[in-house]
Amino acid sequence: MGPHTKILKELVAGGVDFILGGGVACVLHGVERVTMDVDVAVHMASANWDRLILVMNKMGLVPRAPVRPETLADPKVRQAMVEEKKALVFTFIHPNEPSLQLDVFLRPELSYEALKPHAQPMDIGGLSLQVASPGKLLALKKGIQPARQKDLLDIAVLEAKIKKE
């Protein structure tokens, strides 16, 4: 089981309500590339956020930034991180296994509520997941400035996929 699958399996088993985005979502929609982290939009209701923290603790993942994850349940704390620190995500990482990394989206345009209307159910190896649609991923990728090489590849493949449908 790869690190992405391990994280996703634990999130599902822990009852965390989330939508998968980023590179792993692109791969699931047919983009052939390597991605190191799992990017998710988490429903920020306090009970759900508590479940996420329990899963992270169980897996030994810790915040990369010196911030107590419990504080992120407060929208004002998330807003401050975005505005003051220019943070796109809040990262949990395993100190001994860098391939185990979860990035939780912080920006409003990447929030659970913003992605929910564009989420598609997918069954991946027996896991039922909500995954951002190709169209939404394409729009998000086009919004990245400056675009990185991997973003340009994602855009090309997602555009081709959408044209075929």
N, C-alpha and C. Protein backbone atom coordinates (compact mmCIF):
# COMPACT_ATOMS: atom_id res chain seq x y z
N MET A 1 0.84 -1.18 0.00
CA MET A 1 0.00 0.00 0.00
C MET A 1 0.89 1.25 0.00
N GLY A 2 0.69 2.13 -0.97
CA GLY A 2 1.48 3.35 -1.05
C GLY A 2 1.07 4.35 0.01
N PRO A 3 1.91 5.38 0.19
CA PRO A 3 1.62 6.38 1.23
C PRO A 3 0.30 7.11 1.01
N HIS A 4 -0.06 7.39 -0.27
CA HIS A 4 -1.32 8.09 -0.54
C HIS A 4 -2.50 7.24 -0.10
N THR A 5 -2.46 5.96 -0.49
CA THR A 5 -3.55 5.06 -0.14
C THR A 5 -3.66 4.89 1.37
N LYS A 6 -2.52 4.80 2.03
CA LYS A 6 -2.51 4.64 3.48
C LYS A 6 -3.21 5.82 4.16
N ILE A 7 -2.87 7.04 3.75
CA ILE A 7 -3.50 8.23 4.32
C ILE A 7 -5.00 8.25 4.03
N LEU A 8 -5.37 8.00 2.77
CA LEU A 8 -6.78 8.04 2.39
C LEU A 8 -7.57 6.98 3.15
N LYS A 9 -7.00 5.79 3.28
CA LYS A 9 -7.67 4.71 4.00
C LYS A 9 -7.92 5.09 5.46
N GLU A 10 -6.93 5.69 6.09
CA GLU A 10 -7.07 6.10 7.50
C GLU A 10 -8.09 7.22 7.66
N LEU A 11 -8.12 8.18 6.71
CA LEU A 11 -9.11 9.25 6.77
C LEU A 11 -10.53 8.69 6.66
N VAL A 12 -10.73 7.77 5.71
CA VAL A 12 -12.05 7.16 5.54
C VAL A 12 -12.42 6.35 6.78
N ALA A 13 -11.48 5.52 7.25
CA ALA A 13 -11.74 4.70 8.45
C ALA A 13 -12.04 5.57 9.67
N GLY A 14 -11.43 6.75 9.73
CA GLY A 14 -11.63 7.66 10.85
C GLY A 14 -12.88 8.50 10.73
N GLY A 15 -13.64 8.32 9.65
CA GLY A 15 -14.89 9.05 9.48
C GLY A 15 -14.71 10.52 9.16
N VAL A 16 -13.57 10.89 8.57
CA VAL A 16 -13.31 12.28 8.24
C VAL A 16 -14.02 12.63 6.92
N ASP A 17 -14.78 13.72 6.93
CA ASP A 17 -15.48 14.20 5.75
C ASP A 17 -14.54 15.13 5.00
N PHE A 18 -14.12 14.74 3.79
CA PHE A 18 -13.15 15.50 3.02
C PHE A 18 -13.37 15.30 1.53
N ILE A 19 -12.77 16.20 0.75
CA ILE A 19 -12.77 16.08 -0.71
C ILE A 19 -11.32 16.08 -1.16
N LEU A 20 -10.98 15.10 -1.98
CA LEU A 20 -9.62 14.97 -2.48
C LEU A 20 -9.39 15.92 -3.64
N GLY A 21 -8.28 16.66 -3.58
CA GLY A 21 -7.92 17.58 -4.66
C GLY A 21 -6.45 17.41 -4.99
N GLY A 22 -5.87 18.40 -5.66
CA GLY A 22 -4.44 18.40 -5.93
C GLY A 22 -3.99 17.30 -6.87
N GLY A 23 -2.70 16.96 -6.73
CA GLY A 23 -2.05 16.01 -7.63
C GLY A 23 -2.66 14.62 -7.64
N VAL A 24 -3.05 14.10 -6.47
CA VAL A 24 -3.63 12.75 -6.42
C VAL A 24 -4.96 12.74 -7.18
N ALA A 25 -5.76 13.80 -7.02
CA ALA A 25 -7.02 13.89 -7.77
C ALA A 25 -6.73 13.94 -9.27
N CYS A 26 -5.71 14.68 -9.67
CA CYS A 26 -5.33 14.74 -11.10
C CYS A 26 -4.95 13.35 -11.61
N VAL A 27 -4.17 12.62 -10.81
CA VAL A 27 -3.76 11.26 -11.20
C VAL A 27 -5.00 10.37 -11.37
N LEU A 28 -5.95 10.48 -10.45
CA LEU A 28 -7.17 9.66 -10.54
C LEU A 28 -7.99 10.00 -11.79
N HIS A 29 -7.81 11.23 -12.29
CA HIS A 29 -8.51 11.63 -13.52
C HIS A 29 -7.66 11.42 -14.76
N GLY A 30 -6.55 10.69 -14.64
CA GLY A 30 -5.79 10.28 -15.82
C GLY A 30 -4.48 11.00 -16.08
N VAL A 31 -4.08 11.93 -15.21
CA VAL A 31 -2.79 12.59 -15.40
C VAL A 31 -1.70 11.64 -14.91
N GLU A 32 -0.73 11.38 -15.76
CA GLU A 32 0.36 10.48 -15.36
C GLU A 32 1.52 11.30 -14.82
N ARG A 33 1.62 11.33 -13.49
CA ARG A 33 2.74 12.03 -12.86
C ARG A 33 2.87 11.56 -11.42
N VAL A 34 4.00 11.88 -10.83
CA VAL A 34 4.27 11.52 -9.44
C VAL A 34 3.88 12.70 -8.57
N THR A 35 3.25 12.41 -7.46
CA THR A 35 2.94 13.45 -6.50
C THR A 35 3.30 12.94 -5.12
N MET A 36 3.83 13.81 -4.30
CA MET A 36 4.34 13.38 -2.99
C MET A 36 3.32 13.51 -1.86
N ASP A 37 2.34 14.39 -2.02
CA ASP A 37 1.45 14.65 -0.89
C ASP A 37 0.00 14.39 -1.28
N VAL A 38 -0.84 14.32 -0.26
CA VAL A 38 -2.28 14.19 -0.45
C VAL A 38 -2.88 15.55 -0.07
N ASP A 39 -3.62 16.15 -1.01
CA ASP A 39 -4.25 17.45 -0.79
C ASP A 39 -5.74 17.24 -0.58
N VAL A 40 -6.27 17.79 0.51
CA VAL A 40 -7.69 17.63 0.80
C VAL A 40 -8.32 18.93 1.27
N ALA A 41 -9.61 19.04 0.97
CA ALA A 41 -10.45 20.08 1.57
C ALA A 41 -11.25 19.34 2.65
N VAL A 42 -11.11 19.78 3.89
CA VAL A 42 -11.75 19.11 5.01
C VAL A 42 -12.95 19.94 5.47
N HIS A 43 -14.06 19.25 5.71
CA HIS A 43 -15.21 19.94 6.29
C HIS A 43 -14.78 20.41 7.67
N MET A 44 -14.84 21.71 7.91
CA MET A 44 -14.24 22.29 9.11
C MET A 44 -15.16 22.31 10.33
N ALA A 45 -16.26 21.59 10.29
CA ALA A 45 -17.08 21.45 11.50
C ALA A 45 -16.17 20.87 12.59
N SER A 46 -16.32 21.36 13.82
CA SER A 46 -15.34 21.01 14.85
C SER A 46 -15.23 19.50 15.10
N ALA A 47 -16.34 18.77 15.07
CA ALA A 47 -16.27 17.32 15.30
C ALA A 47 -15.48 16.63 14.18
N ASN A 48 -15.66 17.09 12.95
CA ASN A 48 -14.93 16.50 11.82
C ASN A 48 -13.45 16.84 11.90
N TRP A 49 -13.13 18.09 12.27
CA TRP A 49 -11.74 18.49 12.41
C TRP A 49 -11.08 17.68 13.52
N ASP A 50 -11.81 17.44 14.61
CA ASP A 50 -11.29 16.61 15.70
C ASP A 50 -10.97 15.20 15.20
N ARG A 51 -11.84 14.65 14.33
CA ARG A 51 -11.58 13.31 13.77
C ARG A 51 -10.30 13.32 12.93
N LEU A 52 -10.10 14.39 12.15
CA LEU A 52 -8.88 14.50 11.35
C LEU A 52 -7.65 14.50 12.26
N ILE A 53 -7.69 15.28 13.32
CA ILE A 53 -6.54 15.35 14.24
C ILE A 53 -6.28 13.98 14.88
N LEU A 54 -7.34 13.26 15.23
CA LEU A 54 -7.16 11.90 15.79
C LEU A 54 -6.46 10.99 14.79
N VAL A 55 -6.87 11.06 13.52
CA VAL A 55 -6.24 10.24 12.48
C VAL A 55 -4.76 10.62 12.32
N MET A 56 -4.48 11.92 12.30
CA MET A 56 -3.09 12.37 12.17
C MET A 56 -2.25 11.86 13.35
N ASN A 57 -2.79 11.97 14.56
CA ASN A 57 -2.07 11.48 15.74
C ASN A 57 -1.83 9.98 15.65
N LYS A 58 -2.85 9.24 15.23
CA LYS A 58 -2.75 7.77 15.11
C LYS A 58 -1.64 7.39 14.11
N MET A 59 -1.53 8.17 13.03
CA MET A 59 -0.54 7.87 11.99
C MET A 59 0.85 8.45 12.31
N GLY A 60 0.94 9.25 13.37
CA GLY A 60 2.22 9.86 13.73
C GLY A 60 2.57 11.07 12.89
N LEU A 61 1.57 11.66 12.21
CA LEU A 61 1.80 12.87 11.42
C LEU A 61 1.66 14.09 12.32
N VAL A 62 2.58 15.02 12.16
CA VAL A 62 2.61 16.22 13.00
C VAL A 62 2.59 17.46 12.11
N PRO A 63 2.13 18.59 12.64
CA PRO A 63 2.14 19.82 11.83
C PRO A 63 3.55 20.22 11.45
N ARG A 64 3.73 20.63 10.20
CA ARG A 64 5.04 21.14 9.76
C ARG A 64 5.30 22.50 10.41
N ALA A 65 4.27 23.33 10.49
CA ALA A 65 4.40 24.66 11.10
C ALA A 65 4.20 24.54 12.62
N PRO A 66 4.81 25.42 13.36
CA PRO A 66 4.65 25.38 14.83
C PRO A 66 3.30 25.96 15.26
N VAL A 67 2.24 25.30 14.82
CA VAL A 67 0.88 25.73 15.11
C VAL A 67 0.11 24.52 15.63
N ARG A 68 -0.62 24.71 16.72
CA ARG A 68 -1.47 23.62 17.24
C ARG A 68 -2.62 23.42 16.27
N PRO A 69 -2.80 22.22 15.71
CA PRO A 69 -3.84 22.02 14.71
C PRO A 69 -5.25 22.31 15.24
N GLU A 70 -5.46 22.14 16.53
CA GLU A 70 -6.79 22.41 17.12
C GLU A 70 -7.23 23.84 16.85
N THR A 71 -6.27 24.77 16.77
CA THR A 71 -6.61 26.18 16.58
C THR A 71 -7.22 26.45 15.20
N LEU A 72 -7.00 25.57 14.24
CA LEU A 72 -7.49 25.80 12.88
C LEU A 72 -8.99 25.59 12.73
N ALA A 73 -9.63 25.06 13.75
CA ALA A 73 -11.08 24.94 13.71
C ALA A 73 -11.71 26.34 13.70
N ASP A 74 -10.97 27.34 14.14
CA ASP A 74 -11.43 28.72 14.18
C ASP A 74 -11.19 29.37 12.82
N PRO A 75 -12.26 29.82 12.13
CA PRO A 75 -12.08 30.44 10.81
C PRO A 75 -11.16 31.66 10.84
N LYS A 76 -11.12 32.38 11.95
CA LYS A 76 -10.26 33.56 12.05
C LYS A 76 -8.78 33.16 12.02
N VAL A 77 -8.46 32.03 12.64
CA VAL A 77 -7.08 31.53 12.63
C VAL A 77 -6.69 31.14 11.20
N ARG A 78 -7.59 30.44 10.50
CA ARG A 78 -7.31 30.06 9.11
C ARG A 78 -7.14 31.30 8.24
N GLN A 79 -7.99 32.29 8.42
CA GLN A 79 -7.91 33.52 7.64
C GLN A 79 -6.58 34.23 7.90
N ALA A 80 -6.16 34.27 9.15
CA ALA A 80 -4.89 34.92 9.49
C ALA A 80 -3.72 34.20 8.84
N MET A 81 -3.76 32.86 8.82
CA MET A 81 -2.67 32.10 8.19
C MET A 81 -2.60 32.41 6.70
N VAL A 82 -3.76 32.52 6.06
CA VAL A 82 -3.81 32.81 4.63
C VAL A 82 -3.31 34.23 4.36
N GLU A 83 -3.81 35.19 5.14
CA GLU A 83 -3.49 36.59 4.87
C GLU A 83 -2.08 36.98 5.33
N GLU A 84 -1.70 36.54 6.52
CA GLU A 84 -0.42 36.96 7.08
C GLU A 84 0.75 36.09 6.62
N LYS A 85 0.51 34.79 6.55
CA LYS A 85 1.59 33.86 6.19
C LYS A 85 1.55 33.46 4.72
N LYS A 86 0.50 33.92 4.02
CA LYS A 86 0.31 33.55 2.60
C LYS A 86 0.23 32.04 2.43
N ALA A 87 -0.33 31.37 3.44
CA ALA A 87 -0.41 29.90 3.43
C ALA A 87 -1.52 29.44 2.50
N LEU A 88 -1.22 28.44 1.70
CA LEU A 88 -2.20 27.80 0.83
C LEU A 88 -2.77 26.57 1.54
N VAL A 89 -1.90 25.88 2.29
CA VAL A 89 -2.27 24.64 2.97
C VAL A 89 -1.69 24.60 4.39
N PHE A 90 -2.26 23.72 5.18
CA PHE A 90 -1.68 23.37 6.48
C PHE A 90 -1.19 21.94 6.34
N THR A 91 0.10 21.72 6.56
CA THR A 91 0.71 20.43 6.28
C THR A 91 0.94 19.61 7.54
N PHE A 92 0.53 18.33 7.44
CA PHE A 92 0.88 17.32 8.43
C PHE A 92 1.88 16.40 7.76
N ILE A 93 2.97 16.08 8.46
CA ILE A 93 4.00 15.23 7.87
C ILE A 93 4.53 14.27 8.92
N HIS A 94 4.95 13.10 8.45
CA HIS A 94 5.55 12.11 9.37
C HIS A 94 7.03 12.43 9.50
N PRO A 95 7.53 12.60 10.73
CA PRO A 95 8.94 12.99 10.91
C PRO A 95 9.94 12.01 10.33
N ASN A 96 9.58 10.73 10.25
CA ASN A 96 10.52 9.72 9.76
C ASN A 96 10.18 9.19 8.37
N GLU A 97 9.00 9.51 7.87
CA GLU A 97 8.57 9.06 6.55
C GLU A 97 8.02 10.26 5.77
N PRO A 98 8.90 11.04 5.13
CA PRO A 98 8.44 12.25 4.44
C PRO A 98 7.40 12.00 3.34
N SER A 99 7.30 10.75 2.86
CA SER A 99 6.29 10.46 1.84
C SER A 99 4.88 10.45 2.43
N LEU A 100 4.78 10.38 3.76
CA LEU A 100 3.47 10.47 4.41
C LEU A 100 3.22 11.95 4.72
N GLN A 101 2.48 12.60 3.82
CA GLN A 101 2.22 14.03 3.98
C GLN A 101 0.79 14.34 3.56
N LEU A 102 0.10 15.07 4.43
CA LEU A 102 -1.26 15.52 4.13
C LEU A 102 -1.27 17.04 4.16
N ASP A 103 -1.77 17.63 3.07
CA ASP A 103 -1.95 19.08 3.00
C ASP A 103 -3.44 19.38 3.04
N VAL A 104 -3.85 20.18 4.03
CA VAL A 104 -5.25 20.59 4.16
C VAL A 104 -5.36 22.00 3.59
N PHE A 105 -6.23 22.16 2.59
CA PHE A 105 -6.43 23.47 1.97
C PHE A 105 -6.95 24.47 2.99
N LEU A 106 -6.41 25.70 2.94
CA LEU A 106 -6.83 26.77 3.85
C LEU A 106 -7.59 27.89 3.16
N ARG A 107 -7.31 28.14 1.89
CA ARG A 107 -7.90 29.28 1.21
C ARG A 107 -9.40 29.06 0.94
N PRO A 108 -10.19 30.12 1.02
CA PRO A 108 -11.64 29.98 0.82
C PRO A 108 -12.02 29.32 -0.51
N GLU A 109 -11.29 29.65 -1.58
CA GLU A 109 -11.63 29.07 -2.89
C GLU A 109 -11.31 27.58 -2.97
N LEU A 110 -10.57 27.06 -1.99
CA LEU A 110 -10.23 25.64 -1.94
C LEU A 110 -10.94 24.94 -0.77
N SER A 111 -11.86 25.63 -0.14
CA SER A 111 -12.53 25.07 1.03
C SER A 111 -13.46 23.91 0.64
N TYR A 112 -13.82 23.15 1.64
CA TYR A 112 -14.77 22.04 1.45
C TYR A 112 -16.05 22.57 0.79
N GLU A 113 -16.55 23.69 1.31
CA GLU A 113 -17.80 24.26 0.79
C GLU A 113 -17.66 24.69 -0.67
N ALA A 114 -16.49 25.22 -1.03
CA ALA A 114 -16.26 25.66 -2.41
C ALA A 114 -16.12 24.46 -3.37
N LEU A 115 -15.54 23.37 -2.88
CA LEU A 115 -15.31 22.20 -3.75
C LEU A 115 -16.50 21.23 -3.78
N LYS A 116 -17.33 21.25 -2.75
CA LYS A 116 -18.42 20.26 -2.63
C LYS A 116 -19.32 20.21 -3.87
N PRO A 117 -19.73 21.35 -4.45
CA PRO A 117 -20.58 21.26 -5.65
C PRO A 117 -19.86 20.64 -6.85
N HIS A 118 -18.54 20.54 -6.78
CA HIS A 118 -17.73 20.03 -7.90
C HIS A 118 -17.09 18.68 -7.57
N ALA A 119 -17.57 18.04 -6.50
CA ALA A 119 -16.99 16.75 -6.09
C ALA A 119 -17.72 15.61 -6.78
N GLN A 120 -16.94 14.61 -7.14
CA GLN A 120 -17.50 13.41 -7.77
C GLN A 120 -17.16 12.20 -6.91
N PRO A 121 -18.13 11.30 -6.71
CA PRO A 121 -17.80 10.08 -5.97
C PRO A 121 -16.92 9.17 -6.82
N MET A 122 -15.91 8.59 -6.20
CA MET A 122 -15.04 7.64 -6.89
C MET A 122 -14.75 6.49 -5.94
N ASP A 123 -14.67 5.30 -6.48
CA ASP A 123 -14.29 4.14 -5.70
C ASP A 123 -12.87 3.79 -6.09
N ILE A 124 -11.96 3.89 -5.15
CA ILE A 124 -10.54 3.64 -5.41
C ILE A 124 -10.09 2.51 -4.50
N GLY A 125 -9.87 1.35 -5.10
CA GLY A 125 -9.40 0.20 -4.32
C GLY A 125 -10.28 -0.10 -3.12
N GLY A 126 -11.59 -0.01 -3.30
CA GLY A 126 -12.51 -0.30 -2.21
C GLY A 126 -12.80 0.88 -1.30
N LEU A 127 -12.16 2.02 -1.55
CA LEU A 127 -12.42 3.23 -0.76
C LEU A 127 -13.40 4.12 -1.53
N SER A 128 -14.45 4.55 -0.86
CA SER A 128 -15.38 5.50 -1.47
C SER A 128 -14.92 6.90 -1.11
N LEU A 129 -14.54 7.67 -2.13
CA LEU A 129 -14.00 9.01 -1.92
C LEU A 129 -14.80 10.04 -2.69
N GLN A 130 -14.73 11.29 -2.22
CA GLN A 130 -15.22 12.44 -2.97
C GLN A 130 -13.98 13.09 -3.58
N VAL A 131 -13.98 13.27 -4.89
CA VAL A 131 -12.81 13.80 -5.61
C VAL A 131 -13.24 15.01 -6.42
N ALA A 132 -12.44 16.07 -6.39
CA ALA A 132 -12.73 17.25 -7.20
C ALA A 132 -12.82 16.85 -8.67
N SER A 133 -13.78 17.42 -9.38
CA SER A 133 -14.01 17.09 -10.79
C SER A 133 -12.87 17.60 -11.66
N PRO A 134 -12.71 17.00 -12.86
CA PRO A 134 -11.68 17.48 -13.79
C PRO A 134 -11.84 18.97 -14.10
N GLY A 135 -13.07 19.43 -14.28
CA GLY A 135 -13.30 20.83 -14.59
C GLY A 135 -12.87 21.76 -13.47
N LYS A 136 -13.16 21.37 -12.23
CA LYS A 136 -12.77 22.20 -11.09
C LYS A 136 -11.26 22.18 -10.92
N LEU A 137 -10.64 21.00 -11.06
CA LEU A 137 -9.18 20.90 -10.97
C LEU A 137 -8.52 21.77 -12.04
N LEU A 138 -9.09 21.75 -13.25
CA LEU A 138 -8.55 22.55 -14.35
C LEU A 138 -8.62 24.04 -13.99
N ALA A 139 -9.76 24.48 -13.47
CA ALA A 139 -9.91 25.90 -13.10
C ALA A 139 -8.91 26.27 -12.01
N LEU A 140 -8.73 25.40 -11.02
CA LEU A 140 -7.79 25.68 -9.94
C LEU A 140 -6.36 25.72 -10.46
N LYS A 141 -6.01 24.77 -11.32
CA LYS A 141 -4.66 24.73 -11.88
C LYS A 141 -4.37 25.98 -12.71
N LYS A 142 -5.36 26.44 -13.47
CA LYS A 142 -5.17 27.65 -14.29
C LYS A 142 -4.99 28.89 -13.42
N GLY A 143 -5.45 28.82 -12.18
CA GLY A 143 -5.33 29.95 -11.27
C GLY A 143 -3.99 30.04 -10.56
N ILE A 144 -3.14 29.02 -10.70
CA ILE A 144 -1.84 29.01 -10.03
C ILE A 144 -0.87 29.93 -10.79
N GLN A 145 -0.37 30.92 -10.09
CA GLN A 145 0.58 31.87 -10.70
C GLN A 145 1.81 32.02 -9.82
N PRO A 146 3.00 31.84 -10.33
CA PRO A 146 3.27 31.38 -11.69
C PRO A 146 3.03 29.87 -11.80
N ALA A 147 2.61 29.44 -12.96
CA ALA A 147 2.36 28.02 -13.18
C ALA A 147 3.70 27.26 -13.18
N ARG A 148 3.70 26.13 -12.49
CA ARG A 148 4.88 25.27 -12.48
C ARG A 148 4.76 24.29 -13.65
N GLN A 149 5.84 23.62 -13.99
CA GLN A 149 5.83 22.66 -15.10
C GLN A 149 4.75 21.60 -14.88
N LYS A 150 4.65 21.08 -13.65
CA LYS A 150 3.66 20.03 -13.39
C LYS A 150 2.23 20.57 -13.54
N ASP A 151 2.01 21.85 -13.24
CA ASP A 151 0.69 22.43 -13.42
C ASP A 151 0.33 22.52 -14.90
N LEU A 152 1.30 22.88 -15.74
CA LEU A 152 1.07 22.96 -17.18
C LEU A 152 0.73 21.58 -17.75
N LEU A 153 1.41 20.54 -17.25
CA LEU A 153 1.11 19.18 -17.68
C LEU A 153 -0.31 18.80 -17.25
N ASP A 154 -0.64 19.08 -15.99
CA ASP A 154 -1.98 18.77 -15.48
C ASP A 154 -3.04 19.46 -16.34
N ILE A 155 -2.81 20.74 -16.65
CA ILE A 155 -3.77 21.51 -17.45
C ILE A 155 -3.97 20.86 -18.82
N ALA A 156 -2.90 20.48 -19.47
CA ALA A 156 -2.99 19.88 -20.81
C ALA A 156 -3.79 18.57 -20.78
N VAL A 157 -3.48 17.71 -19.81
CA VAL A 157 -4.18 16.41 -19.73
C VAL A 157 -5.64 16.59 -19.34
N LEU A 158 -5.91 17.47 -18.38
CA LEU A 158 -7.29 17.70 -17.96
C LEU A 158 -8.12 18.32 -19.09
N GLU A 159 -7.54 19.24 -19.84
CA GLU A 159 -8.25 19.84 -20.98
C GLU A 159 -8.59 18.76 -22.02
N ALA A 160 -7.64 17.87 -22.31
CA ALA A 160 -7.88 16.80 -23.27
C ALA A 160 -8.98 15.86 -22.77
N LYS A 161 -8.96 15.54 -21.49
CA LYS A 161 -9.97 14.66 -20.90
C LYS A 161 -11.36 15.29 -21.01
N ILE A 162 -11.45 16.57 -20.70
CA ILE A 162 -12.74 17.26 -20.73
C ILE A 162 -13.27 17.34 -22.15
N LYS A 163 -12.38 17.55 -23.14
CA LYS A 163 -12.81 17.62 -24.55
C LYS A 163 -13.40 16.29 -25.01
N LYS A 164 -12.83 15.18 -24.50
CA LYS A 164 -13.29 13.84 -24.90
C LYS A 164 -14.69 13.54 -24.37
N GLU A 165 -15.02 14.10 -23.20
CA GLU A 165 -16.31 13.75 -22.55
C GLU A 165 -17.50 14.38 -23.20
